Amino acid sequence: MSCKLTPWGASVVRNLSIRTRRPATSTLRAARPERQPIPQAPFLIARRGLSDDLVSRQPPPPPQQMPGTTPEGSIETQNAKTPEVFAPNFLNAEAIAALEKAAAGQDLYGDEDSGLLFDMPDRVGKGQQLQDRYHPVVDQVTKLLMKDGKLSKAQRNMSLILNYLRTTPAPKVSPLRPLLPGSPPPDQLPLNPLLYLTLAIDSVAPLVRIRALKGAAGGGAALELPEPMAARARRRVAVSWILEAVRKKRSAGSGKAQFAARFAQEIVAVVEGRSGVWDRRNLVHKVGTAARANLSHPKVIGKKR
């Protein structure tokens, strides 16, 4: 018959109570002495946190000095454990620095944080655009390399070109076709591929362009007049000449990176004086030198007045 309080019945409860009862023999009690309860401090429910609990978490008492010994040579001092010190690595240093910033009320993710491989780019000014953070030569050449509006492909080719100029051997400059005055030695050009590219383009860029004045020479013939060019226009003409020479070249291999390799090889050829772009530049300068006499033509002088 089961009990109302327990569904197992009174017999089961009696058996359980007998099994869990402590043995009554004195021999077993002597073999297994009773354990003394460990005194514990009462848990303070009114406390909001352990950091504010000053009763249940008392600091350890100071070590007692034994008679006839100094504090440095006491037994408690010798057996006391040294405080734990953080390992001297960069992770702990960064964590401690972050804690110090948080304690001082500073921003943990400010611009002054270190750990970057390169310096942070300058912020865009008030009258500037986002693309102004790039070098003007890199931005202009990238836009000229772009085809069908695929800017990402042109940027990838530009990075391959600069990487080729950085890893290629130092060029051998020809004395017959020197570079711009004040240029660094050729063995230092691969160390700065951006200067390498800029020096090659500016060295082969024409200084003047030929403008035709229709019907000014008489009989319907055009009058050729030399006209100086700005730096951006000179570079645009030089890059267009280099692109024409690159398209005529045949690829040495197969793959998507062959155009960038051919363009970089043409840049190296320009620096070494082996490129045909030098002939086009010399031809423009020759025609401009011969056309200087046309600047004193009556129709040109009258038009300027």
Protein backbone atom coordinates (compact mmCIF):
# COMPACT_ATOMS: atom_id res chain seq x y z
CA MET A 1 0.00 0.00 0.00
CA SER A 2 1.45 3.31 -1.03
CA CYS A 3 1.64 6.34 1.17
CA LYS A 4 -0.10 9.56 0.33
CA LEU A 5 3.10 11.50 0.68
CA THR A 6 5.34 9.19 -1.33
CA PRO A 7 4.21 7.14 -4.32
CA TRP A 8 6.71 4.37 -3.60
CA GLY A 9 5.30 3.28 -0.32
CA ALA A 10 6.43 3.24 3.29
CA SER A 11 8.60 0.12 2.89
CA VAL A 12 10.75 1.75 0.27
CA VAL A 13 11.21 4.83 2.38
CA ARG A 14 12.14 2.63 5.37
CA ASN A 15 14.75 0.78 3.32
CA LEU A 16 16.21 4.01 2.04
CA SER A 17 16.43 5.42 5.52
CA ILE A 18 18.13 2.28 6.80
CA ARG A 19 20.69 2.26 4.01
CA THR A 20 21.64 5.88 4.44
CA ARG A 21 21.82 5.65 8.23
CA ARG A 22 25.27 6.00 9.83
CA PRO A 23 26.72 2.63 11.16
CA ALA A 24 26.30 2.10 14.88
CA THR A 25 29.46 0.11 15.60
CA SER A 26 32.27 1.87 17.43
CA THR A 27 34.94 0.16 15.28
CA LEU A 28 33.68 1.73 12.07
CA ARG A 29 33.34 5.06 13.78
CA ALA A 30 36.95 4.88 14.93
CA ALA A 31 38.13 3.92 11.44
CA ARG A 32 36.16 6.77 9.88
CA PRO A 33 36.25 9.77 12.15
CA GLU A 34 33.59 12.35 11.72
CA ARG A 35 34.47 15.36 9.61
CA GLN A 36 34.38 18.69 11.25
CA PRO A 37 32.27 21.25 9.39
CA ILE A 38 34.28 24.02 7.77
CA PRO A 39 33.27 27.40 9.13
CA GLN A 40 32.03 29.63 6.37
CA ALA A 41 31.25 33.28 6.42
CA PRO A 42 27.58 34.10 5.94
CA PHE A 43 26.59 35.15 2.46
CA LEU A 44 25.45 38.73 2.43
CA ILE A 45 22.39 39.03 0.26
CA ALA A 46 22.22 42.79 0.66
CA ARG A 47 25.57 43.25 -1.09
CA ARG A 48 25.39 44.18 -4.76
CA GLY A 49 28.81 42.78 -5.70
CA LEU A 50 31.81 40.92 -4.36
CA SER A 51 33.99 44.00 -4.74
CA ASP A 52 31.95 45.79 -2.03
CA ASP A 53 31.84 42.77 0.32
CA LEU A 54 34.26 43.59 3.13
CA VAL A 55 32.96 41.07 5.68
CA SER A 56 32.97 37.77 3.82
CA ARG A 57 36.26 38.47 2.02
CA GLN A 58 38.74 39.60 4.65
CA PRO A 59 42.38 40.23 3.63
CA PRO A 60 44.91 37.67 4.91
CA PRO A 61 46.58 38.57 8.21
CA PRO A 62 50.16 39.89 8.03
CA PRO A 63 52.91 37.32 8.68
CA GLN A 64 54.06 37.17 12.28
CA GLN A 65 57.72 37.73 12.97
CA MET A 66 59.39 34.95 14.89
CA PRO A 67 61.71 35.90 17.75
CA GLY A 68 65.34 36.15 16.77
CA THR A 69 64.71 36.47 13.04
CA THR A 70 64.45 39.41 10.70
CA PRO A 71 61.39 40.04 8.47
CA GLU A 72 63.40 39.10 5.40
CA GLY A 73 64.52 35.77 6.88
CA SER A 74 61.24 34.72 8.50
CA ILE A 75 59.65 31.41 7.56
CA GLU A 76 56.39 33.01 6.42
CA THR A 77 58.29 35.38 4.13
CA GLN A 78 60.29 32.56 2.59
CA ASN A 79 57.22 30.39 2.02
CA ALA A 80 55.04 33.25 0.76
CA LYS A 81 54.26 33.19 -2.96
CA THR A 82 55.36 36.10 -5.08
CA PRO A 83 52.57 38.05 -6.80
CA GLU A 84 51.73 36.99 -10.32
CA VAL A 85 53.36 39.13 -12.99
CA PHE A 86 52.08 39.35 -16.56
CA ALA A 87 54.30 37.86 -19.22
CA PRO A 88 56.28 40.55 -21.10
CA ASN A 89 54.61 40.08 -24.49
CA PHE A 90 52.84 42.49 -26.81
CA LEU A 91 49.35 41.14 -26.05
CA ASN A 92 49.58 41.96 -22.36
CA ALA A 93 51.18 45.31 -23.18
CA GLU A 94 48.28 46.21 -25.47
CA ALA A 95 45.74 45.08 -22.87
CA ILE A 96 47.39 47.16 -20.13
CA ALA A 97 47.56 50.17 -22.46
CA ALA A 98 43.86 49.77 -23.25
CA LEU A 99 43.00 49.61 -19.56
CA GLU A 100 45.04 52.75 -18.92
CA LYS A 101 43.22 54.54 -21.76
CA ALA A 102 39.85 53.45 -20.41
CA ALA A 103 40.80 54.65 -16.94
CA ALA A 104 41.90 58.02 -18.34
CA GLY A 105 38.65 58.36 -20.32
CA GLN A 106 40.30 58.23 -23.74
CA ASP A 107 39.00 56.58 -26.91
CA LEU A 108 40.17 52.98 -27.26
CA TYR A 109 39.79 53.00 -31.04
CA GLY A 110 41.30 56.37 -31.87
CA ASP A 111 43.50 57.25 -34.83
CA GLU A 112 46.58 57.32 -32.62
CA ASP A 113 46.54 53.53 -32.10
CA SER A 114 49.59 51.73 -33.40
CA GLY A 115 49.84 48.28 -34.95
CA LEU A 116 49.44 49.23 -38.61
CA LEU A 117 51.83 48.04 -41.25
CA PHE A 118 51.76 51.44 -42.99
CA ASP A 119 50.78 54.91 -41.81
CA MET A 120 47.15 55.93 -41.89
CA PRO A 121 46.21 57.94 -45.02
CA ASP A 122 45.52 61.63 -44.59
CA ARG A 123 41.93 62.68 -44.26
CA VAL A 124 40.26 64.29 -47.23
CA GLY A 125 40.25 68.07 -46.98
CA LYS A 126 37.29 70.35 -47.33
CA GLY A 127 37.84 71.21 -50.99
CA GLN A 128 39.26 67.82 -52.01
CA GLN A 129 37.78 64.63 -53.34
CA LEU A 130 38.28 61.06 -52.23
CA GLN A 131 40.54 60.14 -55.16
CA ASP A 132 42.91 63.01 -54.33
CA ARG A 133 44.62 60.79 -51.75
CA TYR A 134 46.31 58.88 -54.59
CA HIS A 135 49.44 60.07 -56.34
CA PRO A 136 48.51 62.21 -59.39
CA VAL A 137 50.63 60.12 -61.77
CA VAL A 138 49.18 56.83 -60.50
CA ASP A 139 45.63 58.19 -60.72
CA GLN A 140 46.13 59.55 -64.25
CA VAL A 141 47.85 56.45 -65.63
CA THR A 142 45.22 54.20 -64.05
CA LYS A 143 42.42 56.16 -65.73
CA LEU A 144 44.26 55.95 -69.07
CA LEU A 145 44.69 52.18 -68.67
CA MET A 146 40.98 51.75 -67.97
CA LYS A 147 38.93 50.23 -70.76
CA ASP A 148 35.13 49.87 -70.96
CA GLY A 149 34.78 51.54 -67.56
CA LYS A 150 36.46 48.66 -65.66
CA LEU A 151 38.34 50.65 -63.04
CA SER A 152 39.08 47.69 -60.75
CA LYS A 153 40.81 45.86 -63.61
CA ALA A 154 42.90 48.96 -64.38
CA GLN A 155 43.87 49.28 -60.72
CA ARG A 156 44.94 45.63 -60.65
CA ASN A 157 47.07 46.18 -63.75
CA MET A 158 48.58 49.27 -62.14
CA SER A 159 49.59 47.29 -59.05
CA LEU A 160 51.15 44.60 -61.26
CA ILE A 161 53.10 47.24 -63.18
CA LEU A 162 54.53 48.77 -60.00
CA ASN A 163 55.38 45.32 -58.66
CA TYR A 164 57.21 44.47 -61.91
CA LEU A 165 59.22 47.70 -61.71
CA ARG A 166 60.08 46.93 -58.08
CA THR A 167 61.33 43.39 -58.76
CA THR A 168 63.11 43.97 -62.07
CA PRO A 169 66.90 44.51 -62.17
CA ALA A 170 68.27 48.03 -62.25
CA PRO A 171 68.11 49.57 -65.76
CA LYS A 172 71.10 50.72 -67.80
CA VAL A 173 70.52 54.30 -68.90
CA SER A 174 71.80 55.23 -72.35
CA PRO A 175 73.94 58.40 -72.49
CA LEU A 176 72.43 59.26 -75.89
CA ARG A 177 68.92 59.47 -74.40
CA PRO A 178 69.38 60.74 -70.85
CA LEU A 179 66.60 61.08 -68.33
CA LEU A 180 65.49 64.28 -66.65
CA PRO A 181 68.23 66.26 -64.91
CA GLY A 182 68.46 65.56 -61.20
CA SER A 183 67.23 61.99 -61.48
CA PRO A 184 68.63 59.45 -58.97
CA PRO A 185 71.12 56.75 -60.00
CA PRO A 186 69.63 53.87 -61.99
CA ASP A 187 70.36 51.31 -59.27
CA GLN A 188 68.03 53.18 -56.89
CA LEU A 189 65.02 53.26 -59.21
CA PRO A 190 63.66 49.77 -58.32
CA LEU A 191 63.58 50.84 -54.67
CA ASN A 192 60.91 53.42 -55.54
CA PRO A 193 58.67 52.10 -58.35
CA LEU A 194 56.48 55.20 -58.26
CA LEU A 195 59.49 57.42 -58.97
CA TYR A 196 60.54 54.88 -61.63
CA LEU A 197 57.21 55.27 -63.45
CA THR A 198 57.06 59.05 -63.07
CA LEU A 199 60.62 59.54 -64.30
CA ALA A 200 60.04 57.38 -67.39
CA ILE A 201 56.83 59.21 -68.36
CA ASP A 202 58.18 62.72 -67.74
CA SER A 203 61.42 61.99 -69.60
CA VAL A 204 59.67 60.90 -72.80
CA ALA A 205 56.80 63.42 -72.61
CA PRO A 206 56.92 66.17 -75.29
CA LEU A 207 57.41 69.76 -74.22
CA VAL A 208 55.30 71.30 -77.00
CA ARG A 209 52.49 70.34 -79.29
CA ILE A 210 51.82 71.45 -82.86
CA ARG A 211 48.63 73.41 -83.38
CA ALA A 212 47.40 73.94 -86.95
CA LEU A 213 45.91 77.29 -87.92
CA LYS A 214 43.65 76.53 -90.88
CA GLY A 215 44.04 78.68 -94.03
CA ALA A 216 46.68 80.94 -92.47
CA ALA A 217 49.51 79.80 -94.75
CA GLY A 218 47.65 80.81 -97.94
CA GLY A 219 45.97 78.65 -100.55
CA GLY A 220 44.00 76.78 -97.89
CA ALA A 221 47.17 75.40 -96.25
CA ALA A 222 47.36 75.25 -92.49
CA LEU A 223 49.97 77.13 -90.53
CA GLU A 224 51.77 75.04 -87.91
CA LEU A 225 52.35 76.75 -84.60
CA PRO A 226 54.21 75.32 -81.54
CA GLU A 227 52.36 75.60 -78.26
CA PRO A 228 53.65 74.73 -74.76
CA MET A 229 51.86 72.07 -72.77
CA ALA A 230 51.02 71.65 -69.09
CA ALA A 231 52.43 68.75 -67.05
CA ARG A 232 49.20 66.74 -67.04
CA ALA A 233 48.75 67.10 -70.81
CA ARG A 234 52.38 66.13 -71.44
CA ARG A 235 51.94 62.95 -69.39
CA ARG A 236 48.72 62.08 -71.17
CA VAL A 237 50.45 62.24 -74.56
CA ALA A 238 53.41 60.18 -73.30
CA VAL A 239 51.15 57.46 -71.86
CA SER A 240 49.15 57.32 -75.09
CA TRP A 241 52.37 56.78 -77.06
CA ILE A 242 53.46 54.04 -74.65
CA LEU A 243 50.06 52.34 -74.95
CA GLU A 244 50.33 52.33 -78.75
CA ALA A 245 53.75 50.68 -78.51
CA VAL A 246 52.43 48.13 -75.98
CA ARG A 247 49.50 47.10 -78.20
CA LYS A 248 51.89 46.38 -81.07
CA LYS A 249 54.00 44.05 -78.93
CA ARG A 250 53.38 40.35 -78.73
CA SER A 251 52.90 38.63 -75.40
CA ALA A 252 55.71 36.36 -74.24
CA GLY A 253 53.27 34.10 -72.37
CA SER A 254 49.60 33.54 -71.65
CA GLY A 255 47.41 34.90 -68.88
CA LYS A 256 45.57 37.99 -67.76
CA ALA A 257 48.72 39.70 -66.45
CA GLN A 258 50.47 39.91 -69.83
CA PHE A 259 49.23 43.42 -70.58
CA ALA A 260 50.69 44.73 -67.31
CA ALA A 261 53.97 42.92 -67.98
CA ARG A 262 54.22 44.37 -71.50
CA PHE A 263 53.48 47.89 -70.21
CA ALA A 264 56.14 47.56 -67.50
CA GLN A 265 58.66 46.23 -70.03
CA GLU A 266 57.97 49.27 -72.21
CA ILE A 267 58.61 51.55 -69.21
CA VAL A 268 61.97 49.83 -68.67
CA ALA A 269 62.73 50.22 -72.39
CA VAL A 270 61.94 53.94 -72.17
CA VAL A 271 64.36 54.40 -69.26
CA GLU A 272 67.08 52.45 -71.07
CA GLY A 273 66.49 54.41 -74.32
CA ARG A 274 65.41 51.37 -76.40
CA SER A 275 61.78 52.37 -76.92
CA GLY A 276 60.43 53.86 -80.15
CA VAL A 277 58.60 56.52 -78.14
CA TRP A 278 61.81 58.54 -78.07
CA ASP A 279 61.67 58.86 -81.88
CA ARG A 280 58.14 60.28 -81.74
CA ARG A 281 59.20 62.78 -79.09
CA ASN A 282 62.24 63.89 -81.12
CA LEU A 283 60.05 64.27 -84.22
CA VAL A 284 57.58 66.54 -82.39
CA HIS A 285 60.41 68.67 -81.03
CA LYS A 286 61.99 68.90 -84.49
CA VAL A 287 58.74 70.10 -86.08
CA GLY A 288 58.16 72.54 -83.21
CA THR A 289 61.64 74.00 -83.59
CA ALA A 290 61.10 74.52 -87.35
CA ALA A 291 57.67 76.07 -86.76
CA ARG A 292 58.94 78.76 -84.41
CA ALA A 293 59.30 81.11 -87.41
CA ASN A 294 55.54 80.96 -87.93
CA LEU A 295 54.96 82.78 -84.65
CA SER A 296 55.92 86.05 -86.40
CA HIS A 297 53.41 85.54 -89.22
CA PRO A 298 51.18 88.63 -89.85
CA LYS A 299 47.99 86.65 -89.32
CA VAL A 300 49.28 85.27 -86.04
CA ILE A 301 50.44 88.69 -84.80
CA GLY A 302 47.22 90.34 -85.88
CA LYS A 303 45.17 87.65 -84.20
CA LYS A 304 47.05 88.09 -80.93
CA ARG A 305 46.38 91.86 -80.96
